Amino acid sequence: HTERGRELRREAEKIIASFLRLPMSPPIGEGFYIKTGEPAMTERGANPEIFLRSFCDDMKSLMRAYDRERQEGRPHPEWLAWVRQFGEWLLKQEEAGGGFPRSWEPGTGKVRSASTTGTFNVVTFYAQLYRLTGNKTYLDAAVRAGEFSWNHGQSDGRFTGGTIDNPDVVDKEAATIALEGFLELHEVTKDLRWVDRARVAANIAET
């Protein structure tokens, strides 16, 4: 409640507004190059690539900010609309079994890496989106992704796909993100099996 505080808020809102200029259906980039203002992506060169984890990580943070602001009486419907734009596009990328591709070509949505080891990244994203909108389609997607991830290695302690540059590395990032997702699913469904699965993910992360 100071002038400095108000200025920090204005700066934060401008940063978010800059990202909202990026179309998300399909996504054209993961951010901006500071010098040129052009859309940025993790992998450049002849075959540019944008990654599932990059979007899910950032949009989870934006949804937390949106929810906090809303509770303080400062609604930002454009923030949620942007997240939903990506969420609706991402639903079309889901495979029949509940898995999601790892990466795409920016601007076209053409799948670059069909590996589904990073599917767990969407669990918290869609669970949060369900909390904010009440749209059960998002909850169903979160549950399917959680089941898919659990049944494709995690039940055996194989948490892979957390690192952006390699889909097959067993790593702590995959375990901690899966842990977050399982806890979110328990919060919204009250199903205790997600707590049991979260415990497995936490034990793996500890190692």
Protein backbone atom coordinates (compact mmCIF):
# COMPACT_ATOMS: atom_id res chain seq x y z
CA HIS A 1 0.00 0.00 0.00
CA THR A 2 2.81 2.38 -0.95
CA GLU A 3 3.75 4.18 -4.15
CA ARG A 4 6.62 1.70 -4.58
CA GLY A 5 4.16 -1.16 -4.15
CA ARG A 6 1.84 0.31 -6.75
CA GLU A 7 4.71 0.76 -9.17
CA LEU A 8 5.81 -2.87 -8.70
CA ARG A 9 2.26 -3.98 -9.42
CA ARG A 10 2.16 -1.89 -12.60
CA GLU A 11 5.43 -3.43 -13.75
CA ALA A 12 4.17 -6.94 -13.03
CA GLU A 13 0.95 -6.32 -14.92
CA LYS A 14 2.89 -5.00 -17.91
CA ILE A 15 5.07 -8.11 -17.95
CA ILE A 16 2.00 -10.34 -17.98
CA ALA A 17 0.37 -8.19 -20.65
CA SER A 18 3.42 -8.68 -22.87
CA PHE A 19 3.01 -12.45 -22.73
CA LEU A 20 -0.69 -12.18 -23.49
CA ARG A 21 0.27 -10.85 -26.93
CA LEU A 22 1.49 -14.35 -27.82
CA PRO A 23 -1.22 -16.39 -29.60
CA MET A 24 -1.72 -19.76 -27.94
CA SER A 25 -3.81 -21.68 -30.47
CA PRO A 26 -1.36 -22.89 -31.63
CA PRO A 27 1.43 -21.30 -29.57
CA ILE A 28 3.94 -19.23 -31.53
CA GLY A 29 6.62 -19.07 -28.83
CA GLU A 30 7.48 -19.48 -25.17
CA GLY A 31 8.51 -15.88 -24.57
CA PHE A 32 10.31 -12.98 -26.25
CA TYR A 33 13.82 -12.17 -27.36
CA ILE A 34 14.59 -8.98 -25.45
CA LYS A 35 16.58 -7.32 -28.26
CA THR A 36 14.09 -7.92 -31.08
CA GLY A 37 10.72 -8.56 -29.46
CA GLU A 38 10.33 -11.66 -31.63
CA PRO A 39 8.79 -14.80 -30.13
CA ALA A 40 11.36 -17.00 -28.40
CA MET A 41 11.54 -20.76 -28.10
CA THR A 42 13.82 -23.21 -26.33
CA GLU A 43 15.17 -24.83 -29.49
CA ARG A 44 15.99 -22.56 -32.42
CA GLY A 45 17.76 -23.16 -35.73
CA ALA A 46 16.27 -24.97 -38.70
CA ASN A 47 13.79 -26.89 -36.56
CA PRO A 48 12.47 -24.60 -33.81
CA GLU A 49 10.67 -26.35 -31.01
CA ILE A 50 8.34 -25.38 -28.16
CA PHE A 51 7.81 -27.60 -25.15
CA LEU A 52 4.82 -28.71 -23.10
CA ARG A 53 6.58 -28.15 -19.79
CA SER A 54 7.45 -24.53 -20.58
CA PHE A 55 3.81 -23.57 -21.03
CA CYS A 56 2.41 -25.62 -18.15
CA ASP A 57 4.99 -24.30 -15.65
CA ASP A 58 4.38 -20.66 -16.53
CA MET A 59 0.61 -20.88 -16.75
CA LYS A 60 0.38 -22.60 -13.37
CA SER A 61 2.07 -19.53 -11.91
CA LEU A 62 -0.21 -17.16 -13.79
CA MET A 63 -3.30 -18.99 -12.55
CA ARG A 64 -2.06 -18.68 -8.96
CA ALA A 65 -1.56 -14.95 -9.51
CA TYR A 66 -5.01 -14.68 -11.12
CA ASP A 67 -6.65 -16.44 -8.17
CA ARG A 68 -4.84 -14.29 -5.61
CA GLU A 69 -5.76 -11.09 -7.44
CA ARG A 70 -9.38 -12.16 -7.76
CA GLN A 71 -9.60 -12.82 -4.03
CA GLU A 72 -8.22 -9.32 -3.42
CA GLY A 73 -10.92 -7.79 -5.59
CA ARG A 74 -8.73 -7.26 -8.66
CA PRO A 75 -10.13 -9.50 -11.42
CA HIS A 76 -8.09 -10.04 -14.57
CA PRO A 77 -10.39 -11.96 -16.92
CA GLU A 78 -7.94 -11.53 -19.80
CA TRP A 79 -5.34 -13.57 -17.90
CA LEU A 80 -7.69 -16.51 -17.53
CA ALA A 81 -8.92 -16.18 -21.12
CA TRP A 82 -5.33 -16.51 -22.36
CA VAL A 83 -4.74 -19.62 -20.25
CA ARG A 84 -7.98 -21.13 -21.52
CA GLN A 85 -6.93 -20.41 -25.10
CA PHE A 86 -3.93 -22.65 -24.56
CA GLY A 87 -5.93 -25.19 -22.55
CA GLU A 88 -8.51 -25.61 -25.30
CA TRP A 89 -5.82 -26.01 -27.95
CA LEU A 90 -3.94 -28.51 -25.78
CA LEU A 91 -7.04 -30.69 -25.36
CA LYS A 92 -6.92 -31.33 -29.10
CA GLN A 93 -3.37 -32.65 -28.72
CA GLU A 94 -4.36 -35.40 -26.29
CA GLU A 95 -3.91 -38.95 -27.52
CA ALA A 96 -6.63 -41.56 -27.12
CA GLY A 97 -4.95 -43.13 -24.08
CA GLY A 98 -4.55 -39.82 -22.25
CA GLY A 99 -0.96 -38.97 -23.21
CA PHE A 100 0.27 -35.65 -24.55
CA PRO A 101 3.14 -34.89 -26.97
CA ARG A 102 6.32 -33.38 -25.64
CA SER A 103 6.87 -30.57 -28.16
CA TRP A 104 5.57 -28.83 -31.27
CA GLU A 105 6.64 -26.59 -34.11
CA PRO A 106 5.84 -22.99 -33.14
CA GLY A 107 3.02 -21.37 -35.07
CA THR A 108 1.80 -24.53 -36.79
CA GLY A 109 1.16 -26.93 -33.93
CA LYS A 110 2.87 -29.73 -35.83
CA VAL A 111 4.16 -32.32 -33.35
CA ARG A 112 7.95 -32.27 -33.08
CA SER A 113 8.38 -34.89 -30.36
CA ALA A 114 5.59 -37.42 -29.91
CA SER A 115 7.13 -38.75 -26.70
CA THR A 116 4.47 -38.85 -23.98
CA THR A 117 6.85 -39.09 -21.00
CA GLY A 118 6.09 -35.47 -20.08
CA THR A 119 2.32 -35.98 -19.83
CA PHE A 120 2.40 -35.41 -16.06
CA ASN A 121 3.07 -31.72 -16.74
CA VAL A 122 -0.57 -31.15 -17.69
CA VAL A 123 -2.07 -32.61 -14.50
CA THR A 124 -1.69 -29.58 -12.24
CA PHE A 125 -2.36 -27.22 -15.15
CA TYR A 126 -5.77 -28.74 -15.89
CA ALA A 127 -6.67 -29.30 -12.23
CA GLN A 128 -6.05 -25.61 -11.51
CA LEU A 129 -8.00 -24.58 -14.59
CA TYR A 130 -10.89 -26.71 -13.37
CA ARG A 131 -10.76 -25.02 -9.97
CA LEU A 132 -11.02 -21.59 -11.58
CA THR A 133 -13.67 -22.35 -14.19
CA GLY A 134 -15.68 -25.31 -12.90
CA ASN A 135 -15.41 -26.84 -16.39
CA LYS A 136 -15.35 -30.61 -15.84
CA THR A 137 -13.67 -31.16 -19.21
CA TYR A 138 -10.47 -29.84 -17.64
CA LEU A 139 -10.77 -32.11 -14.59
CA ASP A 140 -11.35 -35.12 -16.83
CA ALA A 141 -8.20 -34.27 -18.79
CA ALA A 142 -6.21 -33.96 -15.56
CA VAL A 143 -7.41 -37.34 -14.31
CA ARG A 144 -6.70 -39.07 -17.62
CA ALA A 145 -3.21 -37.58 -17.72
CA GLY A 146 -2.57 -38.62 -14.13
CA GLU A 147 -3.70 -42.17 -14.82
CA PHE A 148 -1.66 -42.31 -18.02
CA SER A 149 1.51 -41.14 -16.29
CA TRP A 150 1.04 -43.52 -13.38
CA ASN A 151 0.41 -46.51 -15.66
CA HIS A 152 3.35 -45.76 -17.97
CA GLY A 153 6.28 -46.08 -15.62
CA GLN A 154 5.55 -44.08 -12.49
CA SER A 155 3.92 -47.00 -10.69
CA ASP A 156 7.29 -48.76 -11.07
CA GLY A 157 9.21 -45.74 -9.77
CA ARG A 158 10.25 -44.45 -13.21
CA PHE A 159 9.67 -40.70 -13.26
CA THR A 160 11.07 -39.47 -16.57
CA GLY A 161 10.60 -36.53 -18.90
CA GLY A 162 11.11 -33.61 -16.54
CA THR A 163 14.12 -32.24 -18.37
CA ILE A 164 13.25 -30.35 -21.53
CA ASP A 165 16.21 -31.54 -23.58
CA ASN A 166 15.81 -35.30 -23.04
CA PRO A 167 12.54 -37.25 -22.74
CA ASP A 168 14.04 -40.36 -21.13
CA VAL A 169 16.11 -39.14 -18.18
CA VAL A 170 14.96 -40.30 -14.75
CA ASP A 171 15.05 -37.11 -12.70
CA LYS A 172 13.85 -35.33 -9.59
CA GLU A 173 12.00 -32.73 -11.65
CA ALA A 174 9.66 -35.36 -13.06
CA ALA A 175 9.01 -36.73 -9.59
CA THR A 176 8.34 -33.36 -7.96
CA ILE A 177 6.03 -32.16 -10.75
CA ALA A 178 4.15 -35.47 -10.63
CA LEU A 179 3.93 -35.09 -6.83
CA GLU A 180 2.34 -31.67 -7.24
CA GLY A 181 -0.13 -33.05 -9.78
CA PHE A 182 -1.20 -35.99 -7.64
CA LEU A 183 -1.79 -33.72 -4.65
CA GLU A 184 -3.85 -31.36 -6.83
CA LEU A 185 -5.96 -34.30 -8.01
CA HIS A 186 -6.57 -35.35 -4.43
CA GLU A 187 -7.64 -31.81 -3.55
CA VAL A 188 -10.24 -31.66 -6.29
CA THR A 189 -11.44 -35.30 -6.25
CA LYS A 190 -10.84 -36.32 -2.59
CA ASP A 191 -9.73 -39.71 -3.96
CA LEU A 192 -7.08 -41.12 -1.61
CA ARG A 193 -5.33 -43.12 -4.34
CA TRP A 194 -3.75 -39.85 -5.47
CA VAL A 195 -2.20 -39.41 -2.02
CA ASP A 196 -0.69 -42.90 -2.25
CA ARG A 197 0.75 -42.04 -5.65
CA ALA A 198 2.02 -38.70 -4.38
CA ARG A 199 3.86 -40.57 -1.64
CA VAL A 200 5.64 -42.70 -4.25
CA ALA A 201 6.65 -39.58 -6.19
CA ALA A 202 7.90 -37.92 -3.00
CA ASN A 203 9.98 -40.97 -2.05
CA ILE A 204 11.59 -41.02 -5.50
CA ALA A 205 12.28 -37.27 -5.36
CA GLU A 206 14.08 -37.72 -2.04
CA THR A 207 16.59 -40.06 -3.64
